[in-house]
Amino acid sequence: MRHPTGTCSYSANDLYFDLESFERFSEELQRLQQGLRQEAELKDVGQMVALRLAGDSRKLLATLDVREYLAPSMATLNATFEVDYDLFVNKLRREIDRFVEDIRQAELPNPERAGH
């Protein structure tokens, strides 16, 4: 993520996003495009990371929430910034739909292997 004074990065190896999360996010992005919603959110199953887009084609804000368990409590990183509507709604939706289709194709049994 870019910031006026530099960049910030976060990495984790224990986040789980299920297919339904991406499908729901795509549907919400579609409704945002149609003007039926003003928010779309992608979050992992444990709700430790969430990307929320809110607004319309005139002004769209992206909010990234990252929660991390640091004994004995939770720490939260929250960043909100204005983003380009076309990039974060139109293009992101196309990419999410392509990603979902790739996952669906990978889950289908391979007919060539079924006979062997």
Protein backbone atom coordinates (compact mmCIF):
# COMPACT_ATOMS: atom_id res chain seq x y z
CA MET A 1 0.00 0.00 0.00
CA ARG A 2 1.39 3.42 -0.89
CA HIS A 3 1.54 6.20 1.63
CA PRO A 4 2.83 9.77 1.20
CA THR A 5 5.81 8.95 3.40
CA GLY A 6 6.58 5.52 1.93
CA THR A 7 4.98 2.10 1.69
CA CYS A 8 3.52 -0.44 4.03
CA SER A 9 3.29 -4.16 3.42
CA TYR A 10 1.66 -7.02 5.27
CA SER A 11 2.22 -10.71 4.71
CA ALA A 12 0.55 -13.70 6.30
CA ASN A 13 0.52 -17.40 5.56
CA ASP A 14 -2.54 -18.38 7.56
CA LEU A 15 -5.39 -16.52 5.83
CA TYR A 16 -8.17 -18.47 4.17
CA PHE A 17 -10.48 -17.05 1.50
CA ASP A 18 -13.15 -19.42 0.25
CA LEU A 19 -14.64 -19.36 -3.23
CA GLU A 20 -17.93 -17.98 -1.88
CA SER A 21 -16.11 -14.90 -0.53
CA PHE A 22 -14.89 -14.04 -4.03
CA GLU A 23 -18.28 -14.80 -5.60
CA ARG A 24 -20.05 -12.58 -3.07
CA PHE A 25 -17.51 -9.80 -3.62
CA SER A 26 -18.05 -10.00 -7.39
CA GLU A 27 -21.82 -9.77 -6.93
CA GLU A 28 -21.41 -6.77 -4.64
CA LEU A 29 -19.10 -5.10 -7.18
CA GLN A 30 -21.70 -5.72 -9.89
CA ARG A 31 -24.41 -4.07 -7.76
CA LEU A 32 -22.04 -1.19 -7.09
CA GLN A 33 -21.60 -0.77 -10.86
CA GLN A 34 -25.38 -0.80 -11.31
CA GLY A 35 -25.89 1.80 -8.58
CA LEU A 36 -27.82 -0.68 -6.40
CA ARG A 37 -25.17 -0.73 -3.65
CA GLN A 38 -22.64 1.70 -2.33
CA GLU A 39 -20.30 -0.85 -0.76
CA ALA A 40 -18.51 -4.10 -1.60
CA GLU A 41 -16.33 -6.07 0.78
CA LEU A 42 -13.92 -8.97 0.46
CA LYS A 43 -12.92 -10.62 3.72
CA ASP A 44 -11.23 -13.82 4.72
CA VAL A 45 -13.18 -16.54 6.53
CA GLY A 46 -11.79 -15.54 9.93
CA GLN A 47 -12.44 -11.85 9.19
CA MET A 48 -8.84 -10.97 9.98
CA VAL A 49 -8.37 -9.10 6.67
CA ALA A 50 -11.04 -7.10 4.88
CA LEU A 51 -10.99 -4.86 1.83
CA ARG A 52 -14.02 -2.59 1.65
CA LEU A 53 -14.90 -0.32 -1.27
CA ALA A 54 -17.48 2.35 -0.58
CA GLY A 55 -18.84 5.22 -2.62
CA ASP A 56 -19.72 5.75 -6.24
CA SER A 57 -18.14 6.72 -9.56
CA ARG A 58 -17.52 10.26 -8.30
CA LYS A 59 -15.64 9.26 -5.15
CA LEU A 60 -14.63 5.77 -4.13
CA LEU A 61 -12.84 4.96 -0.89
CA ALA A 62 -10.97 1.74 -0.20
CA THR A 63 -10.53 0.65 3.39
CA LEU A 64 -8.16 -2.10 4.39
CA ASP A 65 -8.60 -3.61 7.85
CA VAL A 66 -6.02 -6.05 9.17
CA ARG A 67 -6.51 -7.66 12.57
CA GLU A 68 -3.72 -9.57 14.21
CA TYR A 69 -3.80 -11.44 17.49
CA LEU A 70 -1.02 -10.17 19.71
CA ALA A 71 -1.40 -11.74 23.13
CA PRO A 72 -3.31 -10.80 25.16
CA SER A 73 -5.39 -8.73 22.70
CA MET A 74 -6.03 -7.87 19.05
CA ALA A 75 -4.11 -5.23 17.14
CA THR A 76 -5.77 -3.56 14.17
CA LEU A 77 -4.28 -1.79 11.20
CA ASN A 78 -6.77 0.37 9.34
CA ALA A 79 -6.10 2.44 6.24
CA THR A 80 -8.58 4.33 4.06
CA PHE A 81 -7.68 6.02 0.81
CA GLU A 82 -9.39 7.33 -2.30
CA VAL A 83 -9.03 5.03 -5.30
CA ASP A 84 -9.82 5.07 -9.00
CA TYR A 85 -13.34 3.74 -9.67
CA ASP A 86 -12.51 2.09 -12.99
CA LEU A 87 -9.51 0.26 -11.55
CA PHE A 88 -11.09 -0.82 -8.27
CA VAL A 89 -14.61 -1.64 -9.47
CA ASN A 90 -14.65 -2.34 -13.18
CA LYS A 91 -11.22 -3.92 -13.65
CA LEU A 92 -11.17 -5.61 -10.24
CA ARG A 93 -14.54 -7.24 -10.94
CA ARG A 94 -13.28 -8.61 -14.27
CA GLU A 95 -10.18 -9.99 -12.53
CA ILE A 96 -12.20 -11.52 -9.68
CA ASP A 97 -14.59 -13.16 -12.17
CA ARG A 98 -11.63 -14.58 -14.12
CA PHE A 99 -10.06 -15.84 -10.88
CA VAL A 100 -13.33 -17.51 -9.78
CA GLU A 101 -13.69 -19.20 -13.17
CA ASP A 102 -10.07 -20.45 -12.97
CA ILE A 103 -10.76 -21.95 -9.54
CA ARG A 104 -13.96 -23.61 -10.78
CA GLN A 105 -12.05 -25.11 -13.73
CA ALA A 106 -9.34 -26.41 -11.42
CA GLU A 107 -11.96 -28.08 -9.22
CA LEU A 108 -13.62 -29.95 -12.10
CA PRO A 109 -12.48 -33.56 -12.51
CA ASN A 110 -10.22 -34.11 -15.48
CA PRO A 111 -12.08 -36.54 -17.85
CA GLU A 112 -8.77 -37.76 -19.33
CA ARG A 113 -7.56 -38.92 -15.91
CA ALA A 114 -10.87 -40.50 -14.93
CA GLY A 115 -10.36 -43.38 -17.39
CA HIS A 116 -6.83 -44.24 -16.26
